[in-house]
Amino acid sequence: MSNYYLFMIALIGVSSAFVSLMLQFKHLLSLLLSLEAITMNIFVLMYSSSSVVGFSGFSALILITLSVCEASLGVSVLVSMVQSHGNDYVSSFSSQKC
């Protein structure tokens, strides 16, 4: 029964992170935090549904490893953007300037 509540909380977390991703698109840091919240809530979803669906712990380890790689790549993009443009506004980042 406790897995059901954990599953519902994770679903609410994923949906609120998607809404946050759609509404806050001014700063790159807020976009990265929304993406990280989505991956963490998906990890909780996989953990809570592991006994019902039959996921192994190995698939959850792969997801958490990929989320760590995504976070480090996002932080490196953020640092390089701040160094080159002076801010982290998404509107100042253009692929045509490269």
PDB file of N, CA and C in Angstrom:
ATOM      1  N   MET A   1       0.800  -1.196   0.000  1.00  0.00           N
ATOM      2  CA  MET A   1       0.000   0.000   0.000  1.00  0.00           C
ATOM      3  C   MET A   1       0.850   1.271   0.000  1.00  0.00           C
ATOM      4  N   SER A   2       2.006   1.221   0.650  1.00  0.00           N
ATOM      5  CA  SER A   2       2.861   2.404   0.682  1.00  0.00           C
ATOM      6  C   SER A   2       3.482   2.680  -0.684  1.00  0.00           C
ATOM      7  N   ASN A   3       3.664   1.621  -1.501  1.00  0.00           N
ATOM      8  CA  ASN A   3       4.167   1.840  -2.851  1.00  0.00           C
ATOM      9  C   ASN A   3       3.175   2.625  -3.695  1.00  0.00           C
ATOM     10  N   TYR A   4       1.886   2.442  -3.422  1.00  0.00           N
ATOM     11  CA  TYR A   4       0.863   3.188  -4.155  1.00  0.00           C
ATOM     12  C   TYR A   4       0.990   4.682  -3.884  1.00  0.00           C
ATOM     13  N   TYR A   5       1.188   5.057  -2.621  1.00  0.00           N
ATOM     14  CA  TYR A   5       1.331   6.463  -2.285  1.00  0.00           C
ATOM     15  C   TYR A   5       2.613   7.044  -2.869  1.00  0.00           C
ATOM     16  N   LEU A   6       3.667   6.282  -2.839  1.00  0.00           N
ATOM     17  CA  LEU A   6       4.925   6.725  -3.428  1.00  0.00           C
ATOM     18  C   LEU A   6       4.780   6.903  -4.933  1.00  0.00           C
ATOM     19  N   PHE A   7       4.052   5.993  -5.564  1.00  0.00           N
ATOM     20  CA  PHE A   7       3.798   6.082  -6.993  1.00  0.00           C
ATOM     21  C   PHE A   7       2.993   7.338  -7.326  1.00  0.00           C
ATOM     22  N   MET A   8       1.969   7.633  -6.548  1.00  0.00           N
ATOM     23  CA  MET A   8       1.146   8.810  -6.796  1.00  0.00           C
ATOM     24  C   MET A   8       1.921  10.106  -6.556  1.00  0.00           C
ATOM     25  N   ILE A   9       2.756  10.137  -5.534  1.00  0.00           N
ATOM     26  CA  ILE A   9       3.572  11.323  -5.269  1.00  0.00           C
ATOM     27  C   ILE A   9       4.562  11.544  -6.405  1.00  0.00           C
ATOM     28  N   ALA A  10       5.147  10.470  -6.920  1.00  0.00           N
ATOM     29  CA  ALA A  10       6.085  10.599  -8.030  1.00  0.00           C
ATOM     30  C   ALA A  10       5.375  11.057  -9.303  1.00  0.00           C
ATOM     31  N   LEU A  11       4.153  10.589  -9.539  1.00  0.00           N
ATOM     32  CA  LEU A  11       3.396  11.064 -10.701  1.00  0.00           C
ATOM     33  C   LEU A  11       3.083  12.552 -10.591  1.00  0.00           C
ATOM     34  N   ILE A  12       2.712  12.985  -9.400  1.00  0.00           N
ATOM     35  CA  ILE A  12       2.461  14.412  -9.192  1.00  0.00           C
ATOM     36  C   ILE A  12       3.759  15.200  -9.381  1.00  0.00           C
ATOM     37  N   GLY A  13       4.879  14.650  -8.926  1.00  0.00           N
ATOM     38  CA  GLY A  13       6.170  15.309  -9.098  1.00  0.00           C
ATOM     39  C   GLY A  13       6.584  15.434 -10.547  1.00  0.00           C
ATOM     40  N   VAL A  14       6.353  14.380 -11.331  1.00  0.00           N
ATOM     41  CA  VAL A  14       6.699  14.442 -12.753  1.00  0.00           C
ATOM     42  C   VAL A  14       5.835  15.469 -13.466  1.00  0.00           C
ATOM     43  N   SER A  15       4.543  15.467 -13.177  1.00  0.00           N
ATOM     44  CA  SER A  15       3.663  16.420 -13.847  1.00  0.00           C
ATOM     45  C   SER A  15       3.974  17.857 -13.447  1.00  0.00           C
ATOM     46  N   SER A  16       4.284  18.102 -12.182  1.00  0.00           N
ATOM     47  CA  SER A  16       4.636  19.464 -11.775  1.00  0.00           C
ATOM     48  C   SER A  16       5.984  19.892 -12.348  1.00  0.00           C
ATOM     49  N   ALA A  17       6.904  18.956 -12.512  1.00  0.00           N
ATOM     50  CA  ALA A  17       8.190  19.297 -13.136  1.00  0.00           C
ATOM     51  C   ALA A  17       8.010  19.615 -14.621  1.00  0.00           C
ATOM     52  N   PHE A  18       7.101  18.894 -15.302  1.00  0.00           N
ATOM     53  CA  PHE A  18       6.813  19.220 -16.703  1.00  0.00           C
ATOM     54  C   PHE A  18       6.165  20.593 -16.827  1.00  0.00           C
ATOM     55  N   VAL A  19       5.257  20.925 -15.918  1.00  0.00           N
ATOM     56  CA  VAL A  19       4.640  22.252 -15.941  1.00  0.00           C
ATOM     57  C   VAL A  19       5.688  23.321 -15.675  1.00  0.00           C
ATOM     58  N   SER A  20       6.575  23.071 -14.743  1.00  0.00           N
ATOM     59  CA  SER A  20       7.662  24.012 -14.462  1.00  0.00           C
ATOM     60  C   SER A  20       8.587  24.165 -15.657  1.00  0.00           C
ATOM     61  N   LEU A  21       8.841  23.075 -16.373  1.00  0.00           N
ATOM     62  CA  LEU A  21       9.687  23.136 -17.558  1.00  0.00           C
ATOM     63  C   LEU A  21       9.041  23.972 -18.654  1.00  0.00           C
ATOM     64  N   MET A  22       7.722  23.868 -18.780  1.00  0.00           N
ATOM     65  CA  MET A  22       7.030  24.623 -19.824  1.00  0.00           C
ATOM     66  C   MET A  22       6.876  26.097 -19.476  1.00  0.00           C
ATOM     67  N   LEU A  23       6.774  26.425 -18.216  1.00  0.00           N
ATOM     68  CA  LEU A  23       6.516  27.810 -17.835  1.00  0.00           C
ATOM     69  C   LEU A  23       7.774  28.638 -17.610  1.00  0.00           C
ATOM     70  N   GLN A  24       8.862  28.032 -17.175  1.00  0.00           N
ATOM     71  CA  GLN A  24      10.071  28.784 -16.879  1.00  0.00           C
ATOM     72  C   GLN A  24      11.121  28.489 -17.923  1.00  0.00           C
ATOM     73  N   PHE A  25      11.174  29.320 -18.933  1.00  0.00           N
ATOM     74  CA  PHE A  25      12.140  29.092 -19.990  1.00  0.00           C
ATOM     75  C   PHE A  25      13.065  30.288 -20.182  1.00  0.00           C
ATOM     76  N   LYS A  26      13.216  31.113 -19.140  1.00  0.00           N
ATOM     77  CA  LYS A  26      14.067  32.288 -19.259  1.00  0.00           C
ATOM     78  C   LYS A  26      15.525  31.976 -18.922  1.00  0.00           C
ATOM     79  N   HIS A  27      15.744  31.262 -17.824  1.00  0.00           N
ATOM     80  CA  HIS A  27      17.106  30.947 -17.391  1.00  0.00           C
ATOM     81  C   HIS A  27      17.417  29.484 -17.663  1.00  0.00           C
ATOM     82  N   LEU A  28      18.653  29.227 -18.063  1.00  0.00           N
ATOM     83  CA  LEU A  28      19.091  27.865 -18.334  1.00  0.00           C
ATOM     84  C   LEU A  28      19.147  27.041 -17.058  1.00  0.00           C
ATOM     85  N   LEU A  29      19.484  27.661 -15.932  1.00  0.00           N
ATOM     86  CA  LEU A  29      19.553  26.925 -14.671  1.00  0.00           C
ATOM     87  C   LEU A  29      18.183  26.390 -14.255  1.00  0.00           C
ATOM     88  N   SER A  30      17.134  27.166 -14.442  1.00  0.00           N
ATOM     89  CA  SER A  30      15.790  26.682 -14.090  1.00  0.00           C
ATOM     90  C   SER A  30      15.358  25.546 -15.003  1.00  0.00           C
ATOM     91  N   LEU A  31      15.752  25.592 -16.272  1.00  0.00           N
ATOM     92  CA  LEU A  31      15.455  24.478 -17.169  1.00  0.00           C
ATOM     93  C   LEU A  31      16.182  23.210 -16.752  1.00  0.00           C
ATOM     94  N   LEU A  32      17.431  23.356 -16.357  1.00  0.00           N
ATOM     95  CA  LEU A  32      18.207  22.194 -15.922  1.00  0.00           C
ATOM     96  C   LEU A  32      17.657  21.600 -14.626  1.00  0.00           C
ATOM     97  N   LEU A  33      17.207  22.450 -13.714  1.00  0.00           N
ATOM     98  CA  LEU A  33      16.626  21.952 -12.472  1.00  0.00           C
ATOM     99  C   LEU A  33      15.304  21.227 -12.733  1.00  0.00           C
ATOM    100  N   SER A  34      14.527  21.710 -13.691  1.00  0.00           N
ATOM    101  CA  SER A  34      13.281  21.022 -14.034  1.00  0.00           C
ATOM    102  C   SER A  34      13.558  19.663 -14.648  1.00  0.00           C
ATOM    103  N   LEU A  35      14.555  19.585 -15.515  1.00  0.00           N
ATOM    104  CA  LEU A  35      14.921  18.298 -16.108  1.00  0.00           C
ATOM    105  C   LEU A  35      15.429  17.327 -15.050  1.00  0.00           C
ATOM    106  N   GLU A  36      16.178  17.833 -14.098  1.00  0.00           N
ATOM    107  CA  GLU A  36      16.683  16.976 -13.027  1.00  0.00           C
ATOM    108  C   GLU A  36      15.537  16.475 -12.144  1.00  0.00           C
ATOM    109  N   ALA A  37      14.554  17.334 -11.897  1.00  0.00           N
ATOM    110  CA  ALA A  37      13.389  16.909 -11.117  1.00  0.00           C
ATOM    111  C   ALA A  37      12.604  15.831 -11.850  1.00  0.00           C
ATOM    112  N   ILE A  38      12.514  15.942 -13.163  1.00  0.00           N
ATOM    113  CA  ILE A  38      11.816  14.921 -13.945  1.00  0.00           C
ATOM    114  C   ILE A  38      12.534  13.578 -13.847  1.00  0.00           C
ATOM    115  N   THR A  39      13.850  13.591 -13.993  1.00  0.00           N
ATOM    116  CA  THR A  39      14.579  12.317 -13.940  1.00  0.00           C
ATOM    117  C   THR A  39      14.554  11.702 -12.548  1.00  0.00           C
ATOM    118  N   MET A  40      14.609  12.521 -11.511  1.00  0.00           N
ATOM    119  CA  MET A  40      14.547  11.970 -10.155  1.00  0.00           C
ATOM    120  C   MET A  40      13.173  11.384  -9.858  1.00  0.00           C
ATOM    121  N   ASN A  41      12.115  12.041 -10.323  1.00  0.00           N
ATOM    122  CA  ASN A  41      10.776  11.503 -10.104  1.00  0.00           C
ATOM    123  C   ASN A  41      10.531  10.249 -10.930  1.00  0.00           C
ATOM    124  N   ILE A  42      11.122  10.161 -12.099  1.00  0.00           N
ATOM    125  CA  ILE A  42      11.020   8.922 -12.884  1.00  0.00           C
ATOM    126  C   ILE A  42      11.758   7.790 -12.180  1.00  0.00           C
ATOM    127  N   PHE A  43      12.875   8.118 -11.542  1.00  0.00           N
ATOM    128  CA  PHE A  43      13.581   7.112 -10.764  1.00  0.00           C
ATOM    129  C   PHE A  43      12.715   6.605  -9.611  1.00  0.00           C
ATOM    130  N   VAL A  44      12.020   7.507  -8.929  1.00  0.00           N
ATOM    131  CA  VAL A  44      11.126   7.108  -7.840  1.00  0.00           C
ATOM    132  C   VAL A  44       9.957   6.284  -8.389  1.00  0.00           C
ATOM    133  N   LEU A  45       9.455   6.652  -9.568  1.00  0.00           N
ATOM    134  CA  LEU A  45       8.404   5.862 -10.207  1.00  0.00           C
ATOM    135  C   LEU A  45       8.867   4.442 -10.492  1.00  0.00           C
ATOM    136  N   MET A  46      10.076   4.311 -11.002  1.00  0.00           N
ATOM    137  CA  MET A  46      10.605   2.983 -11.293  1.00  0.00           C
ATOM    138  C   MET A  46      10.815   2.192 -10.011  1.00  0.00           C
ATOM    139  N   TYR A  47      11.261   2.857  -8.969  1.00  0.00           N
ATOM    140  CA  TYR A  47      11.474   2.166  -7.696  1.00  0.00           C
ATOM    141  C   TYR A  47      10.159   1.700  -7.096  1.00  0.00           C
ATOM    142  N   SER A  48       9.135   2.550  -7.159  1.00  0.00           N
ATOM    143  CA  SER A  48       7.861   2.191  -6.552  1.00  0.00           C
ATOM    144  C   SER A  48       7.102   1.147  -7.355  1.00  0.00           C
ATOM    145  N   SER A  49       7.335   1.087  -8.658  1.00  0.00           N
ATOM    146  CA  SER A  49       6.628   0.101  -9.472  1.00  0.00           C
ATOM    147  C   SER A  49       7.462  -1.151  -9.736  1.00  0.00           C
ATOM    148  N   SER A  50       8.599  -1.274  -9.091  1.00  0.00           N
ATOM    149  CA  SER A  50       9.473  -2.422  -9.359  1.00  0.00           C
ATOM    150  C   SER A  50       8.861  -3.735  -8.896  1.00  0.00           C
ATOM    151  N   SER A  51       8.131  -3.698  -7.813  1.00  0.00           N
ATOM    152  CA  SER A  51       7.543  -4.941  -7.329  1.00  0.00           C
ATOM    153  C   SER A  51       6.326  -5.348  -8.147  1.00  0.00           C
ATOM    154  N   VAL A  52       5.631  -4.401  -8.726  1.00  0.00           N
ATOM    155  CA  VAL A  52       4.422  -4.698  -9.490  1.00  0.00           C
ATOM    156  C   VAL A  52       4.755  -5.130 -10.913  1.00  0.00           C
ATOM    157  N   VAL A  53       5.599  -4.358 -11.577  1.00  0.00           N
ATOM    158  CA  VAL A  53       5.880  -4.590 -12.990  1.00  0.00           C
ATOM    159  C   VAL A  53       6.992  -5.599 -13.189  1.00  0.00           C
ATOM    160  N   GLY A  54       7.962  -5.632 -12.322  1.00  0.00           N
ATOM    161  CA  GLY A  54       9.056  -6.585 -12.443  1.00  0.00           C
ATOM    162  C   GLY A  54      10.347  -5.973 -12.939  1.00  0.00           C
ATOM    163  N   PHE A  55      10.518  -4.647 -12.763  1.00  0.00           N
ATOM    164  CA  PHE A  55      11.789  -4.032 -13.100  1.00  0.00           C
ATOM    165  C   PHE A  55      12.857  -4.535 -12.144  1.00  0.00           C
ATOM    166  N   SER A  56      14.039  -4.662 -12.643  1.00  0.00           N
ATOM    167  CA  SER A  56      15.133  -5.045 -11.757  1.00  0.00           C
ATOM    168  C   SER A  56      15.819  -3.789 -11.234  1.00  0.00           C
ATOM    169  N   GLY A  57      16.636  -3.941 -10.270  1.00  0.00           N
ATOM    170  CA  GLY A  57      17.396  -2.817  -9.750  1.00  0.00           C
ATOM    171  C   GLY A  57      18.427  -2.322 -10.731  1.00  0.00           C
ATOM    172  N   PHE A  58      18.796  -3.180 -11.678  1.00  0.00           N
ATOM    173  CA  PHE A  58      19.791  -2.798 -12.668  1.00  0.00           C
ATOM    174  C   PHE A  58      19.286  -1.684 -13.579  1.00  0.00           C
ATOM    175  N   SER A  59      18.022  -1.740 -13.973  1.00  0.00           N
ATOM    176  CA  SER A  59      17.478  -0.689 -14.838  1.00  0.00           C
ATOM    177  C   SER A  59      17.383   0.636 -14.092  1.00  0.00           C
ATOM    178  N   ALA A  60      17.114   0.602 -12.803  1.00  0.00           N
ATOM    179  CA  ALA A  60      17.094   1.832 -12.014  1.00  0.00           C
ATOM    180  C   ALA A  60      18.504   2.408 -11.878  1.00  0.00           C
ATOM    181  N   LEU A  61      19.509   1.543 -11.762  1.00  0.00           N
ATOM    182  CA  LEU A  61      20.891   2.026 -11.712  1.00  0.00           C
ATOM    183  C   LEU A  61      21.304   2.686 -13.018  1.00  0.00           C
ATOM    184  N   ILE A  62      20.853   2.146 -14.129  1.00  0.00           N
ATOM    185  CA  ILE A  62      21.157   2.763 -15.422  1.00  0.00           C
ATOM    186  C   ILE A  62      20.526   4.140 -15.509  1.00  0.00           C
ATOM    187  N   LEU A  63      19.281   4.267 -15.051  1.00  0.00           N
ATOM    188  CA  LEU A  63      18.601   5.561 -15.096  1.00  0.00           C
ATOM    189  C   LEU A  63      19.284   6.581 -14.207  1.00  0.00           C
ATOM    190  N   ILE A  64      19.683   6.197 -13.013  1.00  0.00           N
ATOM    191  CA  ILE A  64      20.329   7.153 -12.114  1.00  0.00           C
ATOM    192  C   ILE A  64      21.709   7.536 -12.645  1.00  0.00           C
ATOM    193  N   THR A  65      22.395   6.614 -13.305  1.00  0.00           N
ATOM    194  CA  THR A  65      23.687   6.937 -13.920  1.00  0.00           C
ATOM    195  C   THR A  65      23.515   7.923 -15.067  1.00  0.00           C
ATOM    196  N   LEU A  66      22.496   7.716 -15.874  1.00  0.00           N
ATOM    197  CA  LEU A  66      22.240   8.646 -16.974  1.00  0.00           C
ATOM    198  C   LEU A  66      21.825  10.019 -16.465  1.00  0.00           C
ATOM    199  N   SER A  67      21.098  10.073 -15.359  1.00  0.00           N
ATOM    200  CA  SER A  67      20.708  11.377 -14.821  1.00  0.00           C
ATOM    201  C   SER A  67      21.912  12.132 -14.264  1.00  0.00           C
ATOM    202  N   VAL A  68      22.873  11.421 -13.697  1.00  0.00           N
ATOM    203  CA  VAL A  68      24.096  12.073 -13.227  1.00  0.00           C
ATOM    204  C   VAL A  68      24.896  12.614 -14.402  1.00  0.00           C
ATOM    205  N   CYS A  69      24.971  11.856 -15.480  1.00  0.00           N
ATOM    206  CA  CYS A  69      25.666  12.329 -16.681  1.00  0.00           C
ATOM    207  C   CYS A  69      24.964  13.541 -17.280  1.00  0.00           C
ATOM    208  N   GLU A  70      23.635  13.525 -17.269  1.00  0.00           N
ATOM    209  CA  GLU A  70      22.864  14.660 -17.786  1.00  0.00           C
ATOM    210  C   GLU A  70      23.088  15.900 -16.945  1.00  0.00           C
ATOM    211  N   ALA A  71      23.156  15.729 -15.643  1.00  0.00           N
ATOM    212  CA  ALA A  71      23.372  16.871 -14.760  1.00  0.00           C
ATOM    213  C   ALA A  71      24.765  17.463 -14.950  1.00  0.00           C
ATOM    214  N   SER A  72      25.771  16.624 -15.078  1.00  0.00           N
ATOM    215  CA  SER A  72      27.125  17.151 -15.261  1.00  0.00           C
ATOM    216  C   SER A  72      27.279  17.826 -16.621  1.00  0.00           C
ATOM    217  N   LEU A  73      26.640  17.279 -17.642  1.00  0.00           N
ATOM    218  CA  LEU A  73      26.682  17.919 -18.961  1.00  0.00           C
ATOM    219  C   LEU A  73      25.952  19.255 -18.937  1.00  0.00           C
ATOM    220  N   GLY A  74      24.837  19.324 -18.235  1.00  0.00           N
ATOM    221  CA  GLY A  74      24.096  20.579 -18.131  1.00  0.00           C
ATOM    222  C   GLY A  74      24.867  21.647 -17.395  1.00  0.00           C
ATOM    223  N   VAL A  75      25.549  21.266 -16.327  1.00  0.00           N
ATOM    224  CA  VAL A  75      26.344  22.238 -15.583  1.00  0.00           C
ATOM    225  C   VAL A  75      27.519  22.725 -16.425  1.00  0.00           C
ATOM    226  N   SER A  76      28.134  21.850 -17.206  1.00  0.00           N
ATOM    227  CA  SER A  76      29.242  22.288 -18.062  1.00  0.00           C
ATOM    228  C   SER A  76      28.754  23.230 -19.162  1.00  0.00           C
ATOM    229  N   VAL A  77      27.567  22.980 -19.716  1.00  0.00           N
ATOM    230  CA  VAL A  77      26.997  23.900 -20.707  1.00  0.00           C
ATOM    231  C   VAL A  77      26.672  25.237 -20.056  1.00  0.00           C
ATOM    232  N   LEU A  78      26.150  25.191 -18.835  1.00  0.00           N
ATOM    233  CA  LEU A  78      25.829  26.420 -18.113  1.00  0.00           C
ATOM    234  C   LEU A  78      27.081  27.241 -17.847  1.00  0.00           C
ATOM    235  N   VAL A  79      28.154  26.606 -17.408  1.00  0.00           N
ATOM    236  CA  VAL A  79      29.402  27.327 -17.124  1.00  0.00           C
ATOM    237  C   VAL A  79      29.987  27.914 -18.395  1.00  0.00           C
ATOM    238  N   SER A  80      29.990  27.160 -19.476  1.00  0.00           N
ATOM    239  CA  SER A  80      30.547  27.691 -20.727  1.00  0.00           C
ATOM    240  C   SER A  80      29.697  28.824 -21.289  1.00  0.00           C
ATOM    241  N   MET A  81      28.381  28.753 -21.086  1.00  0.00           N
ATOM    242  CA  MET A  81      27.512  29.829 -21.562  1.00  0.00           C
ATOM    243  C   MET A  81      27.713  31.102 -20.743  1.00  0.00           C
ATOM    244  N   VAL A  82      27.879  30.966 -19.436  1.00  0.00           N
ATOM    245  CA  VAL A  82      28.119  32.134 -18.598  1.00  0.00           C
ATOM    246  C   VAL A  82      29.469  32.749 -18.924  1.00  0.00           C
ATOM    247  N   GLN A  83      30.458  31.934 -19.221  1.00  0.00           N
ATOM    248  CA  GLN A  83      31.773  32.468 -19.579  1.00  0.00           C
ATOM    249  C   GLN A  83      31.759  33.180 -20.922  1.00  0.00           C
ATOM    250  N   SER A  84      31.009  32.654 -21.880  1.00  0.00           N
ATOM    251  CA  SER A  84      31.025  33.266 -23.210  1.00  0.00           C
ATOM    252  C   SER A  84      30.035  34.422 -23.343  1.00  0.00           C
ATOM    253  N   HIS A  85      28.866  34.337 -22.698  1.00  0.00           N
ATOM    254  CA  HIS A  85      27.839  35.368 -22.864  1.00  0.00           C
ATOM    255  C   HIS A  85      27.671  36.273 -21.660  1.00  0.00           C
ATOM    256  N   GLY A  86      28.132  35.858 -20.504  1.00  0.00           N
ATOM    257  CA  GLY A  86      28.019  36.675 -19.308  1.00  0.00           C
ATOM    258  C   GLY A  86      26.737  36.476 -18.528  1.00  0.00           C
ATOM    259  N   ASN A  87      25.800  35.696 -19.039  1.00  0.00           N
ATOM    260  CA  ASN A  87      24.554  35.420 -18.323  1.00  0.00           C
ATOM    261  C   ASN A  87      24.063  34.037 -18.719  1.00  0.00           C
ATOM    262  N   ASP A  88      22.954  33.628 -18.099  1.00  0.00           N
ATOM    263  CA  ASP A  88      22.418  32.311 -18.426  1.00  0.00           C
ATOM    264  C   ASP A  88      21.021  32.405 -19.038  1.00  0.00           C
ATOM    265  N   TYR A  89      20.747  33.513 -19.716  1.00  0.00           N
ATOM    266  CA  TYR A  89      19.470  33.650 -20.408  1.00  0.00           C
ATOM    267  C   TYR A  89      19.431  32.750 -21.633  1.00  0.00           C
ATOM    268  N   VAL A  90      18.351  32.023 -21.800  1.00  0.00           N
ATOM    269  CA  VAL A  90      18.210  31.125 -22.939  1.00  0.00           C
ATOM    270  C   VAL A  90      18.112  31.925 -24.231  1.00  0.00           C
ATOM    271  N   SER A  91      17.535  33.119 -24.173  1.00  0.00           N
ATOM    272  CA  SER A  91      17.352  33.927 -25.376  1.00  0.00           C
ATOM    273  C   SER A  91      18.675  34.431 -25.941  1.00  0.00           C
ATOM    274  N   SER A  92      19.720  34.550 -25.108  1.00  0.00           N
ATOM    275  CA  SER A  92      20.997  35.027 -25.609  1.00  0.00           C
ATOM    276  C   SER A  92      21.822  33.918 -26.238  1.00  0.00           C
ATOM    277  N   PHE A  93      21.389  32.679 -26.089  1.00  0.00           N
ATOM    278  CA  PHE A  93      22.104  31.549 -26.663  1.00  0.00           C
ATOM    279  C   PHE A  93      21.541  31.231 -28.024  1.00  0.00           C
ATOM    280  N   SER A  94      22.353  31.334 -29.046  1.00  0.00           N
ATOM    281  CA  SER A  94      21.908  31.063 -30.400  1.00  0.00           C
ATOM    282  C   SER A  94      22.940  30.190 -31.078  1.00  0.00           C
ATOM    283  N   SER A  95      22.485  29.230 -31.842  1.00  0.00           N
ATOM    284  CA  SER A  95      23.415  28.354 -32.551  1.00  0.00           C
ATOM    285  C   SER A  95      23.993  29.026 -33.781  1.00  0.00           C
ATOM    286  N   GLN A  96      23.452  30.159 -34.207  1.00  0.00           N
ATOM    287  CA  GLN A  96      23.962  30.850 -35.385  1.00  0.00           C
ATOM    288  C   GLN A  96      25.192  31.695 -35.049  1.00  0.00           C
ATOM    289  N   LYS A  97      25.445  31.946 -33.773  1.00  0.00           N
ATOM    290  CA  LYS A  97      26.598  32.739 -33.360  1.00  0.00           C
ATOM    291  C   LYS A  97      27.890  31.934 -33.332  1.00  0.00           C
ATOM    292  N   CYS A  98      27.797  30.622 -33.428  1.00  0.00           N
ATOM    293  CA  CYS A  98      28.990  29.775 -33.309  1.00  0.00           C
ATOM    294  C   CYS A  98      29.889  29.910 -34.518  1.00  0.00           C
TER     295      CYS A  98
END
